Amino acid sequence: MQSRELFLCVVAWMIPGAGHIMQNHQLKGFVFFVALTFMFSLGLWLEGSLFPFDMSQPLAFLSALAELGMGAPYFVTKVLGGGEGELLAWSHEYGNAFVIVAGLLNMLVVLDTYDLATGQK
């Protein structure tokens, strides 16, 4: 992987859609940014939790890795003390699903950024 592709992938991971915007796919990048950020925020609003990186609980660890795929929104939420969630809320599991899926979808967006950068798409 060349340095340009690596740079684009890191930017795409940190800011959803930014890799596409940097490659002159502004509409696609904007849609990714809005949709993924909204999905992540909705998950937090629905009392979803940010899982801890605990190797003794494999599913929680995998969920934490998936959430980390969201990049900067994940780190901002952690720094601001968000993502605690309310375990007893009726919407807690829905919120978790939204937060996890937003991170996984952003990882797919990073792969799409790489494909665009290498001319495979």
PDB file of N, CA and C in Angstrom:
ATOM      1  N   MET A   1       0.850  -1.173   0.000  1.00  0.00           N
ATOM      2  CA  MET A   1       0.000   0.000   0.000  1.00  0.00           C
ATOM      3  C   MET A   1       0.895   1.234   0.000  1.00  0.00           C
ATOM      4  N   GLN A   2       0.646   2.131  -0.927  1.00  0.00           N
ATOM      5  CA  GLN A   2       1.431   3.346  -1.010  1.00  0.00           C
ATOM      6  C   GLN A   2       0.972   4.360   0.029  1.00  0.00           C
ATOM      7  N   SER A   3       1.796   5.373   0.239  1.00  0.00           N
ATOM      8  CA  SER A   3       1.506   6.343   1.291  1.00  0.00           C
ATOM      9  C   SER A   3       0.221   7.136   1.011  1.00  0.00           C
ATOM     10  N   ARG A   4      -0.076   7.410  -0.258  1.00  0.00           N
ATOM     11  CA  ARG A   4      -1.301   8.153  -0.585  1.00  0.00           C
ATOM     12  C   ARG A   4      -2.538   7.348  -0.193  1.00  0.00           C
ATOM     13  N   GLU A   5      -2.560   6.069  -0.557  1.00  0.00           N
ATOM     14  CA  GLU A   5      -3.703   5.222  -0.214  1.00  0.00           C
ATOM     15  C   GLU A   5      -3.837   5.073   1.304  1.00  0.00           C
ATOM     16  N   LEU A   6      -2.705   4.910   1.984  1.00  0.00           N
ATOM     17  CA  LEU A   6      -2.731   4.785   3.440  1.00  0.00           C
ATOM     18  C   LEU A   6      -3.289   6.057   4.071  1.00  0.00           C
ATOM     19  N   PHE A   7      -2.820   7.199   3.600  1.00  0.00           N
ATOM     20  CA  PHE A   7      -3.310   8.481   4.124  1.00  0.00           C
ATOM     21  C   PHE A   7      -4.816   8.613   3.914  1.00  0.00           C
ATOM     22  N   LEU A   8      -5.285   8.291   2.716  1.00  0.00           N
ATOM     23  CA  LEU A   8      -6.722   8.388   2.426  1.00  0.00           C
ATOM     24  C   LEU A   8      -7.533   7.449   3.315  1.00  0.00           C
ATOM     25  N   CYS A   9      -7.016   6.256   3.558  1.00  0.00           N
ATOM     26  CA  CYS A   9      -7.733   5.297   4.409  1.00  0.00           C
ATOM     27  C   CYS A   9      -7.798   5.778   5.858  1.00  0.00           C
ATOM     28  N   VAL A  10      -6.714   6.350   6.356  1.00  0.00           N
ATOM     29  CA  VAL A  10      -6.711   6.862   7.734  1.00  0.00           C
ATOM     30  C   VAL A  10      -7.686   8.026   7.863  1.00  0.00           C
ATOM     31  N   VAL A  11      -7.669   8.925   6.879  1.00  0.00           N
ATOM     32  CA  VAL A  11      -8.608  10.060   6.902  1.00  0.00           C
ATOM     33  C   VAL A  11     -10.048   9.555   6.805  1.00  0.00           C
ATOM     34  N   ALA A  12     -10.275   8.569   5.943  1.00  0.00           N
ATOM     35  CA  ALA A  12     -11.625   8.010   5.784  1.00  0.00           C
ATOM     36  C   ALA A  12     -12.100   7.340   7.072  1.00  0.00           C
ATOM     37  N   TRP A  13     -11.176   6.725   7.799  1.00  0.00           N
ATOM     38  CA  TRP A  13     -11.544   6.089   9.068  1.00  0.00           C
ATOM     39  C   TRP A  13     -11.865   7.149  10.117  1.00  0.00           C
ATOM     40  N   MET A  14     -11.028   8.176  10.209  1.00  0.00           N
ATOM     41  CA  MET A  14     -11.225   9.187  11.249  1.00  0.00           C
ATOM     42  C   MET A  14     -12.484  10.029  11.017  1.00  0.00           C
ATOM     43  N   ILE A  15     -12.726  10.413   9.780  1.00  0.00           N
ATOM     44  CA  ILE A  15     -13.892  11.247   9.461  1.00  0.00           C
ATOM     45  C   ILE A  15     -14.686  10.527   8.373  1.00  0.00           C
ATOM     46  N   PRO A  16     -15.800   9.913   8.748  1.00  0.00           N
ATOM     47  CA  PRO A  16     -16.572   9.164   7.755  1.00  0.00           C
ATOM     48  C   PRO A  16     -16.876   9.994   6.509  1.00  0.00           C
ATOM     49  N   GLY A  17     -16.555   9.432   5.354  1.00  0.00           N
ATOM     50  CA  GLY A  17     -16.833  10.100   4.087  1.00  0.00           C
ATOM     51  C   GLY A  17     -15.728  11.017   3.592  1.00  0.00           C
ATOM     52  N   ALA A  18     -14.773  11.368   4.433  1.00  0.00           N
ATOM     53  CA  ALA A  18     -13.723  12.320   4.041  1.00  0.00           C
ATOM     54  C   ALA A  18     -12.824  11.755   2.944  1.00  0.00           C
ATOM     55  N   GLY A  19     -12.594  10.459   2.946  1.00  0.00           N
ATOM     56  CA  GLY A  19     -11.772   9.854   1.903  1.00  0.00           C
ATOM     57  C   GLY A  19     -12.401   9.994   0.530  1.00  0.00           C
ATOM     58  N   HIS A  20     -13.709   9.907   0.482  1.00  0.00           N
ATOM     59  CA  HIS A  20     -14.410  10.083  -0.794  1.00  0.00           C
ATOM     60  C   HIS A  20     -14.387  11.543  -1.229  1.00  0.00           C
ATOM     61  N   ILE A  21     -14.573  12.439  -0.290  1.00  0.00           N
ATOM     62  CA  ILE A  21     -14.547  13.868  -0.601  1.00  0.00           C
ATOM     63  C   ILE A  21     -13.178  14.266  -1.140  1.00  0.00           C
ATOM     64  N   MET A  22     -12.122  13.719  -0.552  1.00  0.00           N
ATOM     65  CA  MET A  22     -10.767  14.043  -1.004  1.00  0.00           C
ATOM     66  C   MET A  22     -10.472  13.490  -2.402  1.00  0.00           C
ATOM     67  N   GLN A  23     -11.285  12.540  -2.858  1.00  0.00           N
ATOM     68  CA  GLN A  23     -11.102  11.975  -4.196  1.00  0.00           C
ATOM     69  C   GLN A  23     -12.169  12.470  -5.173  1.00  0.00           C
ATOM     70  N   ASN A  24     -12.735  13.626  -4.860  1.00  0.00           N
ATOM     71  CA  ASN A  24     -13.726  14.292  -5.717  1.00  0.00           C
ATOM     72  C   ASN A  24     -15.026  13.510  -5.883  1.00  0.00           C
ATOM     73  N   HIS A  25     -15.415  12.801  -4.860  1.00  0.00           N
ATOM     74  CA  HIS A  25     -16.725  12.156  -4.803  1.00  0.00           C
ATOM     75  C   HIS A  25     -17.499  12.823  -3.659  1.00  0.00           C
ATOM     76  N   GLN A  26     -17.741  14.132  -3.823  1.00  0.00           N
ATOM     77  CA  GLN A  26     -18.295  14.934  -2.737  1.00  0.00           C
ATOM     78  C   GLN A  26     -19.667  14.463  -2.265  1.00  0.00           C
ATOM     79  N   LEU A  27     -20.565  14.181  -3.192  1.00  0.00           N
ATOM     80  CA  LEU A  27     -21.915  13.784  -2.788  1.00  0.00           C
ATOM     81  C   LEU A  27     -21.888  12.465  -2.013  1.00  0.00           C
ATOM     82  N   LYS A  28     -21.157  11.516  -2.535  1.00  0.00           N
ATOM     83  CA  LYS A  28     -21.042  10.210  -1.870  1.00  0.00           C
ATOM     84  C   LYS A  28     -20.423  10.375  -0.477  1.00  0.00           C
ATOM     85  N   GLY A  29     -19.372  11.177  -0.379  1.00  0.00           N
ATOM     86  CA  GLY A  29     -18.724  11.413   0.909  1.00  0.00           C
ATOM     87  C   GLY A  29     -19.639  12.116   1.891  1.00  0.00           C
ATOM     88  N   PHE A  30     -20.391  13.090   1.398  1.00  0.00           N
ATOM     89  CA  PHE A  30     -21.324  13.811   2.260  1.00  0.00           C
ATOM     90  C   PHE A  30     -22.417  12.883   2.777  1.00  0.00           C
ATOM     91  N   VAL A  31     -22.931  12.039   1.906  1.00  0.00           N
ATOM     92  CA  VAL A  31     -23.972  11.086   2.320  1.00  0.00           C
ATOM     93  C   VAL A  31     -23.424  10.127   3.373  1.00  0.00           C
ATOM     94  N   PHE A  32     -22.209   9.626   3.155  1.00  0.00           N
ATOM     95  CA  PHE A  32     -21.599   8.740   4.155  1.00  0.00           C
ATOM     96  C   PHE A  32     -21.423   9.461   5.487  1.00  0.00           C
ATOM     97  N   PHE A  33     -20.929  10.695   5.435  1.00  0.00           N
ATOM     98  CA  PHE A  33     -20.711  11.450   6.673  1.00  0.00           C
ATOM     99  C   PHE A  33     -22.009  11.635   7.437  1.00  0.00           C
ATOM    100  N   VAL A  34     -23.038  12.109   6.745  1.00  0.00           N
ATOM    101  CA  VAL A  34     -24.318  12.382   7.407  1.00  0.00           C
ATOM    102  C   VAL A  34     -24.952  11.090   7.917  1.00  0.00           C
ATOM    103  N   ALA A  35     -25.004  10.072   7.068  1.00  0.00           N
ATOM    104  CA  ALA A  35     -25.691   8.827   7.444  1.00  0.00           C
ATOM    105  C   ALA A  35     -24.987   8.123   8.614  1.00  0.00           C
ATOM    106  N   LEU A  36     -23.674   7.992   8.541  1.00  0.00           N
ATOM    107  CA  LEU A  36     -22.961   7.257   9.589  1.00  0.00           C
ATOM    108  C   LEU A  36     -22.908   8.038  10.896  1.00  0.00           C
ATOM    109  N   THR A  37     -22.705   9.340  10.812  1.00  0.00           N
ATOM    110  CA  THR A  37     -22.698  10.148  12.035  1.00  0.00           C
ATOM    111  C   THR A  37     -24.078  10.155  12.675  1.00  0.00           C
ATOM    112  N   PHE A  38     -25.126  10.248  11.846  1.00  0.00           N
ATOM    113  CA  PHE A  38     -26.490  10.195  12.376  1.00  0.00           C
ATOM    114  C   PHE A  38     -26.760   8.842  13.027  1.00  0.00           C
ATOM    115  N   MET A  39     -26.348   7.772  12.375  1.00  0.00           N
ATOM    116  CA  MET A  39     -26.580   6.431  12.909  1.00  0.00           C
ATOM    117  C   MET A  39     -25.869   6.240  14.256  1.00  0.00           C
ATOM    118  N   PHE A  40     -24.614   6.697  14.345  1.00  0.00           N
ATOM    119  CA  PHE A  40     -23.856   6.603  15.587  1.00  0.00           C
ATOM    120  C   PHE A  40     -24.525   7.440  16.681  1.00  0.00           C
ATOM    121  N   SER A  41     -24.915   8.668  16.344  1.00  0.00           N
ATOM    122  CA  SER A  41     -25.559   9.555  17.320  1.00  0.00           C
ATOM    123  C   SER A  41     -26.909   9.009  17.771  1.00  0.00           C
ATOM    124  N   LEU A  42     -27.660   8.463  16.832  1.00  0.00           N
ATOM    125  CA  LEU A  42     -28.954   7.876  17.174  1.00  0.00           C
ATOM    126  C   LEU A  42     -28.766   6.705  18.139  1.00  0.00           C
ATOM    127  N   GLY A  43     -27.754   5.900  17.896  1.00  0.00           N
ATOM    128  CA  GLY A  43     -27.467   4.795  18.803  1.00  0.00           C
ATOM    129  C   GLY A  43     -27.159   5.264  20.212  1.00  0.00           C
ATOM    130  N   LEU A  44     -26.389   6.345  20.327  1.00  0.00           N
ATOM    131  CA  LEU A  44     -26.091   6.897  21.650  1.00  0.00           C
ATOM    132  C   LEU A  44     -27.346   7.489  22.278  1.00  0.00           C
ATOM    133  N   TRP A  45     -28.168   8.155  21.470  1.00  0.00           N
ATOM    134  CA  TRP A  45     -29.409   8.738  21.966  1.00  0.00           C
ATOM    135  C   TRP A  45     -30.367   7.653  22.464  1.00  0.00           C
ATOM    136  N   LEU A  46     -30.318   6.496  21.831  1.00  0.00           N
ATOM    137  CA  LEU A  46     -31.167   5.366  22.246  1.00  0.00           C
ATOM    138  C   LEU A  46     -30.556   4.600  23.420  1.00  0.00           C
ATOM    139  N   GLU A  47     -29.627   5.222  24.113  1.00  0.00           N
ATOM    140  CA  GLU A  47     -28.981   4.670  25.311  1.00  0.00           C
ATOM    141  C   GLU A  47     -28.040   3.509  25.014  1.00  0.00           C
ATOM    142  N   GLY A  48     -27.473   3.484  23.816  1.00  0.00           N
ATOM    143  CA  GLY A  48     -26.469   2.477  23.507  1.00  0.00           C
ATOM    144  C   GLY A  48     -25.186   2.748  24.274  1.00  0.00           C
ATOM    145  N   SER A  49     -24.422   1.707  24.520  1.00  0.00           N
ATOM    146  CA  SER A  49     -23.173   1.817  25.279  1.00  0.00           C
ATOM    147  C   SER A  49     -21.974   1.678  24.362  1.00  0.00           C
ATOM    148  N   LEU A  50     -20.880   2.302  24.758  1.00  0.00           N
ATOM    149  CA  LEU A  50     -19.593   2.030  24.129  1.00  0.00           C
ATOM    150  C   LEU A  50     -18.937   0.944  24.972  1.00  0.00           C
ATOM    151  N   PHE A  51     -18.683  -0.196  24.365  1.00  0.00           N
ATOM    152  CA  PHE A  51     -18.179  -1.344  25.094  1.00  0.00           C
ATOM    153  C   PHE A  51     -16.716  -1.162  25.473  1.00  0.00           C
ATOM    154  N   PRO A  52     -16.296  -1.732  26.613  1.00  0.00           N
ATOM    155  CA  PRO A  52     -14.885  -1.662  27.012  1.00  0.00           C
ATOM    156  C   PRO A  52     -14.064  -2.707  26.247  1.00  0.00           C
ATOM    157  N   PHE A  53     -12.776  -2.451  26.121  1.00  0.00           N
ATOM    158  CA  PHE A  53     -11.864  -3.413  25.495  1.00  0.00           C
ATOM    159  C   PHE A  53     -11.447  -4.423  26.563  1.00  0.00           C
ATOM    160  N   ASP A  54     -12.286  -5.420  26.750  1.00  0.00           N
ATOM    161  CA  ASP A  54     -12.073  -6.428  27.792  1.00  0.00           C
ATOM    162  C   ASP A  54     -11.919  -7.791  27.120  1.00  0.00           C
ATOM    163  N   MET A  55     -10.685  -8.301  27.103  1.00  0.00           N
ATOM    164  CA  MET A  55     -10.400  -9.572  26.427  1.00  0.00           C
ATOM    165  C   MET A  55     -11.077 -10.764  27.106  1.00  0.00           C
ATOM    166  N   SER A  56     -11.479 -10.620  28.371  1.00  0.00           N
ATOM    167  CA  SER A  56     -12.127 -11.738  29.053  1.00  0.00           C
ATOM    168  C   SER A  56     -13.571 -11.931  28.584  1.00  0.00           C
ATOM    169  N   GLN A  57     -14.112 -10.938  27.885  1.00  0.00           N
ATOM    170  CA  GLN A  57     -15.457 -11.024  27.319  1.00  0.00           C
ATOM    171  C   GLN A  57     -15.340 -10.847  25.805  1.00  0.00           C
ATOM    172  N   PRO A  58     -15.193 -11.951  25.073  1.00  0.00           N
ATOM    173  CA  PRO A  58     -14.915 -11.855  23.633  1.00  0.00           C
ATOM    174  C   PRO A  58     -15.938 -11.069  22.829  1.00  0.00           C
ATOM    175  N   LEU A  59     -17.220 -11.226  23.105  1.00  0.00           N
ATOM    176  CA  LEU A  59     -18.235 -10.495  22.333  1.00  0.00           C
ATOM    177  C   LEU A  59     -18.197  -8.999  22.628  1.00  0.00           C
ATOM    178  N   ALA A  60     -17.945  -8.634  23.880  1.00  0.00           N
ATOM    179  CA  ALA A  60     -17.815  -7.218  24.223  1.00  0.00           C
ATOM    180  C   ALA A  60     -16.570  -6.633  23.561  1.00  0.00           C
ATOM    181  N   PHE A  61     -15.493  -7.416  23.509  1.00  0.00           N
ATOM    182  CA  PHE A  61     -14.256  -6.950  22.863  1.00  0.00           C
ATOM    183  C   PHE A  61     -14.483  -6.721  21.367  1.00  0.00           C
ATOM    184  N   LEU A  62     -15.173  -7.656  20.703  1.00  0.00           N
ATOM    185  CA  LEU A  62     -15.469  -7.495  19.275  1.00  0.00           C
ATOM    186  C   LEU A  62     -16.403  -6.299  19.031  1.00  0.00           C
ATOM    187  N   SER A  63     -17.336  -6.089  19.939  1.00  0.00           N
ATOM    188  CA  SER A  63     -18.217  -4.926  19.822  1.00  0.00           C
ATOM    189  C   SER A  63     -17.420  -3.634  19.961  1.00  0.00           C
ATOM    190  N   ALA A  64     -16.469  -3.618  20.884  1.00  0.00           N
ATOM    191  CA  ALA A  64     -15.621  -2.435  21.072  1.00  0.00           C
ATOM    192  C   ALA A  64     -14.797  -2.161  19.817  1.00  0.00           C
ATOM    193  N   LEU A  65     -14.268  -3.204  19.194  1.00  0.00           N
ATOM    194  CA  LEU A  65     -13.513  -3.029  17.948  1.00  0.00           C
ATOM    195  C   LEU A  65     -14.406  -2.470  16.841  1.00  0.00           C
ATOM    196  N   ALA A  66     -15.630  -2.986  16.763  1.00  0.00           N
ATOM    197  CA  ALA A  66     -16.565  -2.503  15.749  1.00  0.00           C
ATOM    198  C   ALA A  66     -16.887  -1.028  15.977  1.00  0.00           C
ATOM    199  N   GLU A  67     -17.108  -0.633  17.214  1.00  0.00           N
ATOM    200  CA  GLU A  67     -17.412   0.765  17.522  1.00  0.00           C
ATOM    201  C   GLU A  67     -16.228   1.671  17.209  1.00  0.00           C
ATOM    202  N   LEU A  68     -15.027   1.182  17.442  1.00  0.00           N
ATOM    203  CA  LEU A  68     -13.814   1.943  17.147  1.00  0.00           C
ATOM    204  C   LEU A  68     -13.711   2.267  15.663  1.00  0.00           C
ATOM    205  N   GLY A  69     -14.372   1.473  14.839  1.00  0.00           N
ATOM    206  CA  GLY A  69     -14.381   1.716  13.405  1.00  0.00           C
ATOM    207  C   GLY A  69     -15.005   3.044  13.023  1.00  0.00           C
ATOM    208  N   MET A  70     -15.692   3.683  13.940  1.00  0.00           N
ATOM    209  CA  MET A  70     -16.328   4.968  13.655  1.00  0.00           C
ATOM    210  C   MET A  70     -15.322   6.112  13.638  1.00  0.00           C
ATOM    211  N   GLY A  71     -14.152   5.932  14.200  1.00  0.00           N
ATOM    212  CA  GLY A  71     -13.110   6.952  14.142  1.00  0.00           C
ATOM    213  C   GLY A  71     -13.320   8.099  15.108  1.00  0.00           C
ATOM    214  N   ALA A  72     -13.227   9.329  14.607  1.00  0.00           N
ATOM    215  CA  ALA A  72     -13.272  10.530  15.446  1.00  0.00           C
ATOM    216  C   ALA A  72     -14.547  10.642  16.288  1.00  0.00           C
ATOM    217  N   PRO A  73     -15.734  10.354  15.754  1.00  0.00           N
ATOM    218  CA  PRO A  73     -16.926  10.434  16.615  1.00  0.00           C
ATOM    219  C   PRO A  73     -16.829   9.523  17.845  1.00  0.00           C
ATOM    220  N   TYR A  74     -16.203   8.373  17.685  1.00  0.00           N
ATOM    221  CA  TYR A  74     -16.002   7.469  18.816  1.00  0.00           C
ATOM    222  C   TYR A  74     -15.111   8.127  19.870  1.00  0.00           C
ATOM    223  N   PHE A  75     -13.979   8.690  19.420  1.00  0.00           N
ATOM    224  CA  PHE A  75     -13.036   9.297  20.362  1.00  0.00           C
ATOM    225  C   PHE A  75     -13.620  10.534  21.031  1.00  0.00           C
ATOM    226  N   VAL A  76     -14.365  11.335  20.283  1.00  0.00           N
ATOM    227  CA  VAL A  76     -15.005  12.518  20.868  1.00  0.00           C
ATOM    228  C   VAL A  76     -15.998  12.092  21.942  1.00  0.00           C
ATOM    229  N   THR A  77     -16.767  11.063  21.659  1.00  0.00           N
ATOM    230  CA  THR A  77     -17.736  10.566  22.636  1.00  0.00           C
ATOM    231  C   THR A  77     -17.037  10.074  23.889  1.00  0.00           C
ATOM    232  N   LYS A  78     -15.937   9.334  23.715  1.00  0.00           N
ATOM    233  CA  LYS A  78     -15.182   8.834  24.866  1.00  0.00           C
ATOM    234  C   LYS A  78     -14.610   9.972  25.704  1.00  0.00           C
ATOM    235  N   VAL A  79     -14.015  10.967  25.038  1.00  0.00           N
ATOM    236  CA  VAL A  79     -13.405  12.086  25.749  1.00  0.00           C
ATOM    237  C   VAL A  79     -14.452  12.886  26.514  1.00  0.00           C
ATOM    238  N   LEU A  80     -15.625  13.056  25.932  1.00  0.00           N
ATOM    239  CA  LEU A  80     -16.691  13.815  26.588  1.00  0.00           C
ATOM    240  C   LEU A  80     -17.450  12.996  27.629  1.00  0.00           C
ATOM    241  N   GLY A  81     -17.068  11.747  27.816  1.00  0.00           N
ATOM    242  CA  GLY A  81     -17.698  10.914  28.834  1.00  0.00           C
ATOM    243  C   GLY A  81     -19.034  10.339  28.430  1.00  0.00           C
ATOM    244  N   GLY A  82     -19.319  10.305  27.142  1.00  0.00           N
ATOM    245  CA  GLY A  82     -20.582   9.762  26.672  1.00  0.00           C
ATOM    246  C   GLY A  82     -20.499   8.268  26.440  1.00  0.00           C
ATOM    247  N   GLY A  83     -21.569   7.711  25.978  1.00  0.00           N
ATOM    248  CA  GLY A  83     -21.599   6.299  25.649  1.00  0.00           C
ATOM    249  C   GLY A  83     -21.761   5.370  26.830  1.00  0.00           C
ATOM    250  N   GLU A  84     -22.226   5.912  27.944  1.00  0.00           N
ATOM    251  CA  GLU A  84     -22.444   5.060  29.113  1.00  0.00           C
ATOM    252  C   GLU A  84     -23.684   4.201  28.928  1.00  0.00           C
ATOM    253  N   GLY A  85     -24.701   4.762  28.302  1.00  0.00           N
ATOM    254  CA  GLY A  85     -25.929   4.011  28.065  1.00  0.00           C
ATOM    255  C   GLY A  85     -26.692   3.738  29.346  1.00  0.00           C
ATOM    256  N   GLU A  86     -27.899   3.319  29.189  1.00  0.00           N
ATOM    257  CA  GLU A  86     -28.740   2.947  30.325  1.00  0.00           C
ATOM    258  C   GLU A  86     -29.203   1.524  30.106  1.00  0.00           C
ATOM    259  N   LEU A  87     -28.623   0.610  30.857  1.00  0.00           N
ATOM    260  CA  LEU A  87     -28.861  -0.815  30.675  1.00  0.00           C
ATOM    261  C   LEU A  87     -30.343  -1.184  30.778  1.00  0.00           C
ATOM    262  N   LEU A  88     -31.080  -0.485  31.613  1.00  0.00           N
ATOM    263  CA  LEU A  88     -32.488  -0.823  31.820  1.00  0.00           C
ATOM    264  C   LEU A  88     -33.431  -0.131  30.852  1.00  0.00           C
ATOM    265  N   ALA A  89     -32.912   0.733  29.985  1.00  0.00           N
ATOM    266  CA  ALA A  89     -33.767   1.420  29.014  1.00  0.00           C
ATOM    267  C   ALA A  89     -34.274   0.414  27.983  1.00  0.00           C
ATOM    268  N   TRP A  90     -35.505   0.603  27.543  1.00  0.00           N
ATOM    269  CA  TRP A  90     -36.091  -0.315  26.556  1.00  0.00           C
ATOM    270  C   TRP A  90     -35.330  -0.273  25.236  1.00  0.00           C
ATOM    271  N   SER A  91     -34.679   0.837  24.974  1.00  0.00           N
ATOM    272  CA  SER A  91     -34.013   1.032  23.687  1.00  0.00           C
ATOM    273  C   SER A  91     -32.527   0.688  23.717  1.00  0.00           C
ATOM    274  N   HIS A  92     -32.026   0.202  24.838  1.00  0.00           N
ATOM    275  CA  HIS A  92     -30.585  -0.027  25.009  1.00  0.00           C
ATOM    276  C   HIS A  92     -29.997  -0.934  23.925  1.00  0.00           C
ATOM    277  N   GLU A  93     -30.621  -2.048  23.673  1.00  0.00           N
ATOM    278  CA  GLU A  93     -30.085  -2.991  22.679  1.00  0.00           C
ATOM    279  C   GLU A  93     -30.165  -2.437  21.261  1.00  0.00           C
ATOM    280  N   TYR A  94     -31.227  -1.677  20.975  1.00  0.00           N
ATOM    281  CA  TYR A  94     -31.322  -1.019  19.670  1.00  0.00           C
ATOM    282  C   TYR A  94     -30.189  -0.007  19.513  1.00  0.00           C
ATOM    283  N   GLY A  95     -29.930   0.744  20.574  1.00  0.00           N
ATOM    284  CA  GLY A  95     -28.840   1.714  20.552  1.00  0.00           C
ATOM    285  C   GLY A  95     -27.496   1.047  20.322  1.00  0.00           C
ATOM    286  N   ASN A  96     -27.264  -0.068  21.012  1.00  0.00           N
ATOM    287  CA  ASN A  96     -26.018  -0.808  20.811  1.00  0.00           C
ATOM    288  C   ASN A  96     -25.876  -1.245  19.356  1.00  0.00           C
ATOM    289  N   ALA A  97     -26.969  -1.740  18.801  1.00  0.00           N
ATOM    290  CA  ALA A  97     -26.925  -2.201  17.408  1.00  0.00           C
ATOM    291  C   ALA A  97     -26.584  -1.057  16.461  1.00  0.00           C
ATOM    292  N   PHE A  98     -27.169   0.104  16.660  1.00  0.00           N
ATOM    293  CA  PHE A  98     -26.883   1.252  15.797  1.00  0.00           C
ATOM    294  C   PHE A  98     -25.423   1.683  15.909  1.00  0.00           C
ATOM    295  N   VAL A  99     -24.894   1.743  17.131  1.00  0.00           N
ATOM    296  CA  VAL A  99     -23.512   2.184  17.337  1.00  0.00           C
ATOM    297  C   VAL A  99     -22.534   1.189  16.705  1.00  0.00           C
ATOM    298  N   ILE A 100     -22.762  -0.089  16.919  1.00  0.00           N
ATOM    299  CA  ILE A 100     -21.879  -1.120  16.375  1.00  0.00           C
ATOM    300  C   ILE A 100     -21.930  -1.134  14.850  1.00  0.00           C
ATOM    301  N   VAL A 101     -23.124  -1.103  14.292  1.00  0.00           N
ATOM    302  CA  VAL A 101     -23.270  -1.163  12.834  1.00  0.00           C
ATOM    303  C   VAL A 101     -22.692   0.084  12.171  1.00  0.00           C
ATOM    304  N   ALA A 102     -22.816   1.238  12.811  1.00  0.00           N
ATOM    305  CA  ALA A 102     -22.217   2.458  12.250  1.00  0.00           C
ATOM    306  C   ALA A 102     -20.699   2.292  12.117  1.00  0.00           C
ATOM    307  N   GLY A 103     -20.058   1.717  13.131  1.00  0.00           N
ATOM    308  CA  GLY A 103     -18.615   1.475  13.056  1.00  0.00           C
ATOM    309  C   GLY A 103     -18.250   0.480  11.971  1.00  0.00           C
ATOM    310  N   LEU A 104     -19.028  -0.586  11.853  1.00  0.00           N
ATOM    311  CA  LEU A 104     -18.754  -1.587  10.821  1.00  0.00           C
ATOM    312  C   LEU A 104     -18.962  -1.016   9.417  1.00  0.00           C
ATOM    313  N   LEU A 105     -20.015  -0.221   9.252  1.00  0.00           N
ATOM    314  CA  LEU A 105     -20.253   0.389   7.945  1.00  0.00           C
ATOM    315  C   LEU A 105     -19.138   1.367   7.582  1.00  0.00           C
ATOM    316  N   ASN A 106     -18.614   2.085   8.568  1.00  0.00           N
ATOM    317  CA  ASN A 106     -17.509   2.994   8.267  1.00  0.00           C
ATOM    318  C   ASN A 106     -16.273   2.212   7.820  1.00  0.00           C
ATOM    319  N   MET A 107     -16.071   1.023   8.371  1.00  0.00           N
ATOM    320  CA  MET A 107     -14.948   0.196   7.908  1.00  0.00           C
ATOM    321  C   MET A 107     -15.138  -0.183   6.434  1.00  0.00           C
ATOM    322  N   LEU A 108     -16.376  -0.447   6.033  1.00  0.00           N
ATOM    323  CA  LEU A 108     -16.650  -0.727   4.621  1.00  0.00           C
ATOM    324  C   LEU A 108     -16.415   0.508   3.754  1.00  0.00           C
ATOM    325  N   VAL A 109     -16.736   1.679   4.285  1.00  0.00           N
ATOM    326  CA  VAL A 109     -16.485   2.926   3.560  1.00  0.00           C
ATOM    327  C   VAL A 109     -14.981   3.130   3.374  1.00  0.00           C
ATOM    328  N   VAL A 110     -14.190   2.756   4.374  1.00  0.00           N
ATOM    329  CA  VAL A 110     -12.725   2.846   4.250  1.00  0.00           C
ATOM    330  C   VAL A 110     -12.242   1.922   3.138  1.00  0.00           C
ATOM    331  N   LEU A 111     -12.776   0.715   3.073  1.00  0.00           N
ATOM    332  CA  LEU A 111     -12.391  -0.204   1.996  1.00  0.00           C
ATOM    333  C   LEU A 111     -12.793   0.342   0.632  1.00  0.00           C
ATOM    334  N   ASP A 112     -13.954   0.990   0.555  1.00  0.00           N
ATOM    335  CA  ASP A 112     -14.381   1.601  -0.701  1.00  0.00           C
ATOM    336  C   ASP A 112     -13.443   2.750  -1.080  1.00  0.00           C
ATOM    337  N   THR A 113     -13.006   3.507  -0.087  1.00  0.00           N
ATOM    338  CA  THR A 113     -12.028   4.581  -0.329  1.00  0.00           C
ATOM    339  C   THR A 113     -10.744   4.008  -0.929  1.00  0.00           C
ATOM    340  N   TYR A 114     -10.296   2.889  -0.367  1.00  0.00           N
ATOM    341  CA  TYR A 114      -9.090   2.247  -0.890  1.00  0.00           C
ATOM    342  C   TYR A 114      -9.280   1.789  -2.344  1.00  0.00           C
ATOM    343  N   ASP A 115     -10.424   1.192  -2.619  1.00  0.00           N
ATOM    344  CA  ASP A 115     -10.713   0.753  -3.985  1.00  0.00           C
ATOM    345  C   ASP A 115     -10.711   1.922  -4.964  1.00  0.00           C
ATOM    346  N   LEU A 116     -11.283   3.041  -4.558  1.00  0.00           N
ATOM    347  CA  LEU A 116     -11.271   4.218  -5.408  1.00  0.00           C
ATOM    348  C   LEU A 116      -9.847   4.737  -5.623  1.00  0.00           C
ATOM    349  N   ALA A 117      -9.068   4.745  -4.556  1.00  0.00           N
ATOM    350  CA  ALA A 117      -7.703   5.277  -4.627  1.00  0.00           C
ATOM    351  C   ALA A 117      -6.805   4.431  -5.508  1.00  0.00           C
ATOM    352  N   THR A 118      -7.032   3.126  -5.537  1.00  0.00           N
ATOM    353  CA  THR A 118      -6.186   2.235  -6.332  1.00  0.00           C
ATOM    354  C   THR A 118      -6.737   1.997  -7.735  1.00  0.00           C
ATOM    355  N   GLY A 119      -7.869   2.598  -8.047  1.00  0.00           N
ATOM    356  CA  GLY A 119      -8.448   2.456  -9.371  1.00  0.00           C
ATOM    357  C   GLY A 119      -9.171   1.140  -9.587  1.00  0.00           C
ATOM    358  N   GLN A 120      -9.469   0.422  -8.535  1.00  0.00           N
ATOM    359  CA  GLN A 120     -10.181  -0.850  -8.661  1.00  0.00           C
ATOM    360  C   GLN A 120     -11.679  -0.649  -8.777  1.00  0.00           C
ATOM    361  N   LYS A 121     -12.112   0.582  -8.663  1.00  0.00           N
ATOM    362  CA  LYS A 121     -13.546   0.853  -8.730  1.00  0.00           C
ATOM    363  C   LYS A 121     -13.807   2.048  -9.591  1.00  0.00           C
TER     364      LYS A 121
END
